[in-house]
Amino acid sequence: MFVKGGIYVKNNPFIPYKKGNLVIIDGRVDEKVIKFLEKLNIKVIKTVKCEDVHEAIAYHPDIVLHPINYKTLIVAPNVFEYYEEKFFGTGIELIRGEKQLVRDYPGDIAYNVGRVYGYAIHNFKYTDEKLLFYLKKEGLELIHVNQGYTKCSMAVVDEKAIITADRPIYEAMTKYYIDTLLIEPGHIKLEGFNYGFIGGCFGSLCKNDIFISGKFNNHPDKDKIKKFLKKHKKNLIFLSNDKIVDLGTIITLYC
């Protein structure tokens, strides 16, 4: 179901979630978004700027964090102390990554691993070694692609469904029977770059609900996206009525 203006949650925009849901979101996001989430009983942790990477992605969660599971996070050493303090008392385990992030690609992609079903997708030449260890420990099958920003490039819709504008990811995922919608690149706002990535606009909240950073009404593939989301029976929570913007993924824990 799609609702114009405001947010939609399970047929009632004012029904809160059970306490325990936690969201990590770009620290520059509008305060109205934070209040919306808090009204839904969702604890919000805003990201801190990582001074060592490009300004445009310096607050992006998926650049500095990777959830091994809903209770464990790998965190880049650049910003580990900040998140150690923020997550104190939450019951979530934080593990310090080994690879220090730097500004120039591929020095900024060590933690930006895409995940869907039982697969981890990345350019594994540049993945943080500790993260790689835990991915294997979780029993995930590793799929190597040349794209480094694989998490950015994948909007996870369902357990076995994604949206991407990256053709190599599309081709790799369809071989593994992941329902994959290929869309046109671009048409997503990201200050400092020509455009952002679709994965950075989405976040899964439990089984049926999806956060989307804004509206995709101006996207040339808007009808295909709507049809795909409807096919997978997703409830959509629009965080803004503005154009979709790459927030570096909306990471959810405790679902």
Protein backbone atom coordinates (compact mmCIF):
# COMPACT_ATOMS: atom_id res chain seq x y z
CA MET A 1 0.00 0.00 0.00
CA PHE A 2 1.23 3.48 -0.83
CA VAL A 3 0.24 6.58 1.09
CA LYS A 4 0.84 10.13 -0.11
CA GLY A 5 2.28 12.32 2.59
CA GLY A 6 3.38 11.15 5.99
CA ILE A 7 4.12 7.58 6.95
CA TYR A 8 2.24 4.32 6.87
CA VAL A 9 2.60 1.47 9.36
CA LYS A 10 0.39 -1.61 9.29
CA ASN A 11 -2.84 0.23 8.40
CA ASN A 12 -2.40 2.78 11.18
CA PRO A 13 0.32 5.48 11.16
CA PHE A 14 0.13 5.81 14.94
CA ILE A 15 0.55 2.19 16.06
CA PRO A 16 4.00 1.94 17.68
CA TYR A 17 6.31 -1.01 17.49
CA LYS A 18 7.28 -3.00 20.54
CA LYS A 19 10.14 -1.46 22.44
CA GLY A 20 13.45 -2.95 21.42
CA ASN A 21 13.53 -1.93 17.78
CA LEU A 22 16.58 0.20 17.08
CA VAL A 23 17.54 2.17 13.99
CA ILE A 24 20.92 3.58 12.97
CA ILE A 25 20.50 6.49 10.57
CA ASP A 26 22.55 9.24 8.92
CA GLY A 27 23.31 11.86 11.58
CA ARG A 28 22.34 14.68 9.18
CA VAL A 29 18.74 13.50 8.75
CA ASP A 30 15.97 16.00 9.48
CA GLU A 31 14.91 16.09 13.13
CA LYS A 32 11.30 15.48 12.01
CA VAL A 33 12.35 12.03 10.84
CA ILE A 34 13.86 11.30 14.26
CA LYS A 35 10.61 12.32 15.97
CA PHE A 36 8.57 10.13 13.61
CA LEU A 37 10.69 7.11 14.47
CA GLU A 38 10.64 7.78 18.19
CA LYS A 39 6.85 8.07 18.07
CA LEU A 40 6.87 4.48 16.81
CA ASN A 41 8.81 3.33 19.90
CA ILE A 42 12.00 3.01 17.84
CA LYS A 43 15.25 3.96 19.51
CA VAL A 44 17.30 6.10 17.12
CA ILE A 45 21.08 6.23 17.00
CA LYS A 46 22.39 8.97 14.74
CA THR A 47 25.73 8.36 13.08
CA VAL A 48 28.80 10.44 13.76
CA LYS A 49 30.91 11.90 10.97
CA CYS A 50 33.81 9.72 9.87
CA GLU A 51 36.41 12.37 9.11
CA ASP A 52 38.54 10.01 7.03
CA VAL A 53 36.15 9.37 4.12
CA HIS A 54 34.50 11.58 1.49
CA GLU A 55 32.16 14.23 2.93
CA ALA A 56 29.16 12.88 1.00
CA ILE A 57 29.33 9.47 2.71
CA ALA A 58 30.95 10.54 6.00
CA TYR A 59 27.73 9.93 7.98
CA HIS A 60 26.58 6.82 6.12
CA PRO A 61 25.99 3.84 8.42
CA ASP A 62 26.83 1.26 5.76
CA ILE A 63 30.30 2.73 5.28
CA VAL A 64 31.41 2.32 8.89
CA LEU A 65 29.13 -0.45 10.24
CA HIS A 66 28.11 -3.95 9.27
CA PRO A 67 25.50 -5.95 11.22
CA ILE A 68 26.69 -9.54 11.47
CA ASN A 69 23.25 -10.30 12.90
CA TYR A 70 20.60 -8.35 14.81
CA LYS A 71 22.70 -8.44 17.98
CA THR A 72 26.25 -7.95 16.69
CA LEU A 73 27.94 -5.10 14.79
CA ILE A 74 31.37 -4.82 13.22
CA VAL A 75 32.51 -1.19 13.46
CA ALA A 76 35.33 0.56 11.64
CA PRO A 77 38.14 1.53 14.07
CA ASN A 78 37.84 5.16 12.86
CA VAL A 79 34.62 5.64 14.84
CA PHE A 80 34.53 2.67 17.22
CA GLU A 81 34.65 4.67 20.47
CA TYR A 82 31.60 6.76 19.50
CA TYR A 83 29.44 3.71 18.86
CA GLU A 84 30.82 1.88 21.88
CA GLU A 85 29.39 4.67 24.02
CA LYS A 86 26.11 4.92 22.08
CA PHE A 87 25.38 1.20 22.29
CA PHE A 88 26.30 0.84 25.95
CA GLY A 89 23.51 -0.99 27.78
CA THR A 90 21.61 -1.99 24.63
CA GLY A 91 22.69 -5.63 24.69
CA ILE A 92 24.24 -5.33 21.24
CA GLU A 93 27.81 -6.56 20.92
CA LEU A 94 30.27 -4.31 19.09
CA ILE A 95 33.39 -5.72 17.46
CA ARG A 96 36.20 -3.42 16.36
CA GLY A 97 37.12 -3.94 12.71
CA GLU A 98 40.73 -4.12 11.62
CA LYS A 99 40.80 -1.99 8.50
CA GLN A 100 41.08 1.77 8.94
CA LEU A 101 38.95 3.59 6.39
CA VAL A 102 40.53 6.22 4.12
CA ARG A 103 39.11 8.73 1.68
CA ASP A 104 39.91 7.28 -1.73
CA TYR A 105 38.18 4.23 -3.21
CA PRO A 106 38.68 1.34 -2.55
CA GLY A 107 39.91 2.40 0.88
CA ASP A 108 36.36 3.25 1.98
CA ILE A 109 34.53 0.01 1.12
CA ALA A 110 35.86 -2.48 3.71
CA TYR A 111 32.52 -2.78 5.55
CA ASN A 112 30.08 -2.11 2.69
CA VAL A 113 29.09 -5.74 2.14
CA GLY A 114 25.70 -6.58 0.60
CA ARG A 115 23.64 -9.30 2.26
CA VAL A 116 20.59 -11.21 1.10
CA TYR A 117 19.29 -14.66 2.06
CA GLY A 118 22.38 -16.80 2.81
CA TYR A 119 24.74 -14.76 0.65
CA ALA A 120 27.29 -12.01 1.22
CA ILE A 121 28.17 -10.01 -1.90
CA HIS A 122 31.27 -7.83 -2.16
CA ASN A 123 34.60 -7.20 -3.83
CA PHE A 124 36.34 -9.48 -1.36
CA LYS A 125 39.80 -8.18 -2.27
CA TYR A 126 39.02 -5.20 -0.04
CA THR A 127 36.77 -6.60 2.71
CA ASP A 128 37.89 -6.13 6.31
CA GLU A 129 39.51 -9.39 7.44
CA LYS A 130 37.63 -9.55 10.72
CA LEU A 131 34.32 -8.95 8.97
CA LEU A 132 35.19 -11.70 6.50
CA PHE A 133 35.87 -14.06 9.41
CA TYR A 134 32.44 -13.41 10.95
CA LEU A 135 30.63 -13.67 7.61
CA LYS A 136 32.09 -17.15 7.19
CA LYS A 137 31.28 -17.97 10.81
CA GLU A 138 27.63 -17.08 10.12
CA GLY A 139 27.70 -19.68 7.33
CA LEU A 140 27.19 -17.19 4.51
CA GLU A 141 28.17 -18.08 0.96
CA LEU A 142 30.53 -15.43 -0.45
CA ILE A 143 29.83 -14.04 -3.91
CA HIS A 144 32.62 -11.92 -5.37
CA VAL A 145 31.80 -8.99 -7.68
CA ASN A 146 33.96 -6.10 -8.85
CA GLN A 147 31.60 -3.52 -7.33
CA GLY A 148 32.89 -2.30 -3.97
CA TYR A 149 29.77 -0.45 -2.79
CA THR A 150 27.60 -3.55 -2.79
CA LYS A 151 25.50 -2.65 0.25
CA CYS A 152 24.86 0.78 -1.23
CA SER A 153 23.86 -0.85 -4.50
CA MET A 154 21.31 -3.32 -3.07
CA ALA A 155 17.91 -2.38 -1.69
CA VAL A 156 16.87 -5.49 0.21
CA VAL A 157 13.11 -5.93 -0.20
CA ASP A 158 12.59 -9.42 1.16
CA GLU A 159 14.48 -12.51 2.23
CA LYS A 160 15.08 -13.38 -1.43
CA ALA A 161 14.35 -10.12 -3.26
CA ILE A 162 16.41 -7.00 -4.02
CA ILE A 163 16.42 -3.91 -6.22
CA THR A 164 19.65 -2.74 -7.86
CA ALA A 165 20.91 -0.50 -10.65
CA ASP A 166 24.15 -2.52 -10.88
CA ARG A 167 24.02 -5.01 -13.77
CA PRO A 168 26.82 -7.32 -12.50
CA ILE A 169 25.03 -7.61 -9.14
CA TYR A 170 21.77 -8.26 -11.00
CA GLU A 171 23.36 -11.01 -13.07
CA ALA A 172 25.04 -12.59 -10.05
CA MET A 173 21.90 -12.60 -7.92
CA THR A 174 19.59 -14.02 -10.59
CA LYS A 175 21.98 -16.97 -10.91
CA TYR A 176 21.32 -17.65 -7.23
CA TYR A 177 17.53 -17.39 -7.68
CA ILE A 178 17.21 -14.07 -5.89
CA ASP A 179 14.26 -12.12 -7.32
CA THR A 180 16.12 -9.04 -8.58
CA LEU A 181 14.67 -5.89 -10.12
CA LEU A 182 17.15 -4.02 -12.32
CA ILE A 183 16.49 -0.29 -12.50
CA GLU A 184 18.10 2.63 -14.27
CA PRO A 185 21.12 4.16 -12.46
CA GLY A 186 20.84 7.68 -11.07
CA HIS A 187 17.83 9.82 -10.11
CA ILE A 188 18.74 9.54 -6.41
CA LYS A 189 20.09 12.52 -4.50
CA LEU A 190 23.54 12.38 -2.89
CA GLU A 191 25.32 15.67 -2.28
CA GLY A 192 28.87 15.64 -3.60
CA PHE A 193 28.23 12.95 -6.21
CA ASN A 194 26.31 12.89 -9.49
CA TYR A 195 23.81 10.52 -7.89
CA GLY A 196 23.33 8.06 -5.04
CA PHE A 197 22.49 4.37 -4.78
CA ILE A 198 19.10 2.71 -4.28
CA GLY A 199 20.32 0.59 -1.35
CA GLY A 200 21.13 3.73 0.60
CA CYS A 201 17.47 4.79 0.45
CA PHE A 202 15.99 1.65 2.00
CA GLY A 203 15.86 -0.12 5.33
CA SER A 204 13.99 -3.26 6.35
CA LEU A 205 11.96 -3.08 9.56
CA CYS A 206 10.96 -6.59 10.59
CA LYS A 207 9.32 -8.92 8.07
CA ASN A 208 6.77 -6.77 6.28
CA ASP A 209 7.73 -3.12 6.77
CA ILE A 210 10.27 -1.10 4.82
CA PHE A 211 11.65 2.39 5.43
CA ILE A 212 12.20 4.52 2.34
CA SER A 213 14.03 7.85 2.63
CA GLY A 214 11.60 9.69 0.33
CA LYS A 215 9.27 9.38 -2.64
CA PHE A 216 10.41 7.87 -5.94
CA ASN A 217 7.67 9.52 -8.01
CA ASN A 218 10.25 11.20 -10.27
CA HIS A 219 12.26 8.04 -10.87
CA PRO A 220 11.88 6.73 -14.47
CA ASP A 221 11.33 3.22 -13.09
CA LYS A 222 8.82 4.26 -10.42
CA ASP A 223 6.07 2.00 -11.78
CA LYS A 224 8.40 -1.02 -11.88
CA ILE A 225 9.53 -0.31 -8.30
CA LYS A 226 5.95 0.06 -7.05
CA LYS A 227 4.91 -3.15 -8.79
CA PHE A 228 7.88 -5.03 -7.35
CA LEU A 229 7.20 -3.85 -3.80
CA LYS A 230 3.52 -4.68 -4.16
CA LYS A 231 4.42 -8.14 -5.46
CA HIS A 232 6.35 -8.76 -2.24
CA LYS A 233 3.51 -7.36 -0.10
CA LYS A 234 5.54 -4.69 1.66
CA ASN A 235 4.17 -1.95 3.89
CA LEU A 236 6.09 1.25 3.16
CA ILE A 237 7.14 3.89 5.66
CA PHE A 238 8.12 7.06 3.80
CA LEU A 239 10.42 9.17 5.95
CA SER A 240 9.97 12.20 3.72
CA ASN A 241 7.73 13.51 0.95
CA ASP A 242 10.81 14.79 -0.87
CA LYS A 243 12.81 13.00 -3.57
CA ILE A 244 14.57 9.81 -2.42
CA VAL A 245 18.02 10.49 -1.02
CA ASP A 246 20.89 8.13 -0.34
CA LEU A 247 21.26 7.94 3.47
CA GLY A 248 23.75 5.07 3.43
CA THR A 249 21.09 2.52 4.35
CA ILE A 250 18.76 2.67 7.36
CA ILE A 251 20.14 -0.11 9.55
CA THR A 252 17.68 -1.87 11.86
CA LEU A 253 18.53 -4.07 14.83
CA TYR A 254 16.43 -6.01 17.38
CA CYS A 255 13.69 -6.94 14.86
